[in-house]
Amino acid sequence: MDRSVCDHIRIWHDQVAIQRINPNGETHHWLANPQWIKLHMADTPTHENYLTATGGGREIEIGGFLTADERSNLHYELRQALRRAKASP
């Protein structure tokens, strides 16, 4: 059995769903409306390009297990996907 962390991200015009699966099998779910999601990327003492999303009354980390460059690329891709979702009817 694979014991890695995994984030599943799905974006629709009216909802964003993120599921985090931890190495122990525990899962966390987060739902928010793409119209209200804010992405934030910053350097912290422990992570370069630390990526979070705020919406639905919570802030969550995204891709903490990725490299700094991978988080930067993910940030760009998520921004593009959210723009498309917001523009959809």
C-alpha atoms as a PDB file:
ATOM      1  CA  MET A   1       0.000   0.000   0.000  1.00  0.00           C
ATOM      2  CA  ASP A   2       1.273   3.465  -0.911  1.00  0.00           C
ATOM      3  CA  ARG A   3       1.833   5.563   2.225  1.00  0.00           C
ATOM      4  CA  SER A   4       2.228   8.979   0.609  1.00  0.00           C
ATOM      5  CA  VAL A   5       0.129  12.105   1.047  1.00  0.00           C
ATOM      6  CA  CYS A   6      -2.178  12.929  -1.837  1.00  0.00           C
ATOM      7  CA  ASP A   7      -4.428  15.899  -2.627  1.00  0.00           C
ATOM      8  CA  HIS A   8      -7.307  15.334  -5.067  1.00  0.00           C
ATOM      9  CA  ILE A   9      -8.537  18.640  -6.492  1.00  0.00           C
ATOM     10  CA  ARG A  10     -11.719  18.970  -8.531  1.00  0.00           C
ATOM     11  CA  ILE A  11     -13.029  22.258  -9.864  1.00  0.00           C
ATOM     12  CA  TRP A  12     -16.490  22.857 -11.297  1.00  0.00           C
ATOM     13  CA  HIS A  13     -18.205  26.149 -12.125  1.00  0.00           C
ATOM     14  CA  ASP A  14     -20.091  26.093  -8.809  1.00  0.00           C
ATOM     15  CA  GLN A  15     -17.846  24.125  -6.462  1.00  0.00           C
ATOM     16  CA  VAL A  16     -14.261  23.253  -5.642  1.00  0.00           C
ATOM     17  CA  ALA A  17     -13.604  20.009  -3.785  1.00  0.00           C
ATOM     18  CA  ILE A  18     -10.257  19.103  -2.280  1.00  0.00           C
ATOM     19  CA  GLN A  19      -9.632  15.785  -0.586  1.00  0.00           C
ATOM     20  CA  ARG A  20      -6.403  15.186   1.331  1.00  0.00           C
ATOM     21  CA  ILE A  21      -5.450  11.565   1.952  1.00  0.00           C
ATOM     22  CA  ASN A  22      -2.804  11.159   4.655  1.00  0.00           C
ATOM     23  CA  PRO A  23      -0.325   8.269   4.861  1.00  0.00           C
ATOM     24  CA  ASN A  24      -2.393   6.631   7.613  1.00  0.00           C
ATOM     25  CA  GLY A  25      -5.456   6.604   5.325  1.00  0.00           C
ATOM     26  CA  GLU A  26      -7.207   9.448   7.138  1.00  0.00           C
ATOM     27  CA  THR A  27      -9.018  11.782   4.736  1.00  0.00           C
ATOM     28  CA  HIS A  28      -9.982  15.438   5.006  1.00  0.00           C
ATOM     29  CA  HIS A  29     -12.524  17.115   2.722  1.00  0.00           C
ATOM     30  CA  TRP A  30     -12.898  20.773   1.849  1.00  0.00           C
ATOM     31  CA  LEU A  31     -15.621  22.347  -0.297  1.00  0.00           C
ATOM     32  CA  ALA A  32     -15.966  25.947  -1.387  1.00  0.00           C
ATOM     33  CA  ASN A  33     -17.533  28.085  -4.071  1.00  0.00           C
ATOM     34  CA  PRO A  34     -14.903  29.068  -6.680  1.00  0.00           C
ATOM     35  CA  GLN A  35     -16.292  32.621  -6.672  1.00  0.00           C
ATOM     36  CA  TRP A  36     -15.010  33.101  -3.110  1.00  0.00           C
ATOM     37  CA  ILE A  37     -11.756  31.130  -3.067  1.00  0.00           C
ATOM     38  CA  LYS A  38      -8.544  33.040  -2.554  1.00  0.00           C
ATOM     39  CA  LEU A  39      -5.192  31.398  -3.272  1.00  0.00           C
ATOM     40  CA  HIS A  40      -2.146  32.565  -1.389  1.00  0.00           C
ATOM     41  CA  MET A  41       1.482  31.615  -1.875  1.00  0.00           C
ATOM     42  CA  ALA A  42       4.292  32.839   0.375  1.00  0.00           C
ATOM     43  CA  ASP A  43       7.594  31.753   1.806  1.00  0.00           C
ATOM     44  CA  THR A  44       7.515  30.533   5.400  1.00  0.00           C
ATOM     45  CA  PRO A  45      10.351  29.482   7.711  1.00  0.00           C
ATOM     46  CA  THR A  46       9.762  25.846   6.707  1.00  0.00           C
ATOM     47  CA  HIS A  47       8.429  26.045   3.136  1.00  0.00           C
ATOM     48  CA  GLU A  48       9.310  27.999   0.034  1.00  0.00           C
ATOM     49  CA  ASN A  49       6.183  28.793  -2.004  1.00  0.00           C
ATOM     50  CA  TYR A  50       3.793  27.607   0.733  1.00  0.00           C
ATOM     51  CA  LEU A  51       0.386  27.391  -0.964  1.00  0.00           C
ATOM     52  CA  THR A  52      -2.970  27.830   0.765  1.00  0.00           C
ATOM     53  CA  ALA A  53      -6.578  28.300  -0.270  1.00  0.00           C
ATOM     54  CA  THR A  54      -9.147  30.241   1.728  1.00  0.00           C
ATOM     55  CA  GLY A  55     -12.884  29.830   1.283  1.00  0.00           C
ATOM     56  CA  GLY A  56     -15.859  28.096   2.814  1.00  0.00           C
ATOM     57  CA  GLY A  57     -14.851  29.496   6.192  1.00  0.00           C
ATOM     58  CA  ARG A  58     -11.457  27.742   6.295  1.00  0.00           C
ATOM     59  CA  GLU A  59      -7.880  28.027   5.115  1.00  0.00           C
ATOM     60  CA  ILE A  60      -6.145  24.864   3.934  1.00  0.00           C
ATOM     61  CA  GLU A  61      -2.660  23.944   2.792  1.00  0.00           C
ATOM     62  CA  ILE A  62      -2.360  22.587  -0.749  1.00  0.00           C
ATOM     63  CA  GLY A  63       0.526  20.478  -1.984  1.00  0.00           C
ATOM     64  CA  GLY A  64       2.695  20.746   1.108  1.00  0.00           C
ATOM     65  CA  PHE A  65       4.420  17.537   0.017  1.00  0.00           C
ATOM     66  CA  LEU A  66       5.453  19.019  -3.357  1.00  0.00           C
ATOM     67  CA  THR A  67       8.697  20.793  -4.171  1.00  0.00           C
ATOM     68  CA  ALA A  68       8.731  24.608  -4.194  1.00  0.00           C
ATOM     69  CA  ASP A  69       8.733  24.642  -8.013  1.00  0.00           C
ATOM     70  CA  GLU A  70       5.859  22.157  -8.163  1.00  0.00           C
ATOM     71  CA  ARG A  71       3.817  24.299  -5.733  1.00  0.00           C
ATOM     72  CA  SER A  72       4.528  27.356  -7.885  1.00  0.00           C
ATOM     73  CA  ASN A  73       3.309  25.508 -10.980  1.00  0.00           C
ATOM     74  CA  LEU A  74       0.255  24.220  -9.104  1.00  0.00           C
ATOM     75  CA  HIS A  75      -0.545  27.767  -7.978  1.00  0.00           C
ATOM     76  CA  TYR A  76      -0.479  28.954 -11.583  1.00  0.00           C
ATOM     77  CA  GLU A  77      -2.630  26.027 -12.799  1.00  0.00           C
ATOM     78  CA  LEU A  78      -5.170  26.491 -10.005  1.00  0.00           C
ATOM     79  CA  ARG A  79      -5.454  30.234 -10.718  1.00  0.00           C
ATOM     80  CA  GLN A  80      -6.171  29.469 -14.367  1.00  0.00           C
ATOM     81  CA  ALA A  81      -8.729  26.769 -13.504  1.00  0.00           C
ATOM     82  CA  LEU A  82     -10.496  29.055 -11.022  1.00  0.00           C
ATOM     83  CA  ARG A  83     -10.675  31.847 -13.607  1.00  0.00           C
ATOM     84  CA  ARG A  84     -12.302  29.437 -16.063  1.00  0.00           C
ATOM     85  CA  ALA A  85     -14.721  28.194 -13.396  1.00  0.00           C
ATOM     86  CA  LYS A  86     -15.718  31.744 -12.455  1.00  0.00           C
ATOM     87  CA  ALA A  87     -16.358  32.590 -16.109  1.00  0.00           C
ATOM     88  CA  SER A  88     -18.610  29.540 -16.664  1.00  0.00           C
ATOM     89  CA  PRO A  89     -22.388  29.915 -16.464  1.00  0.00           C
END
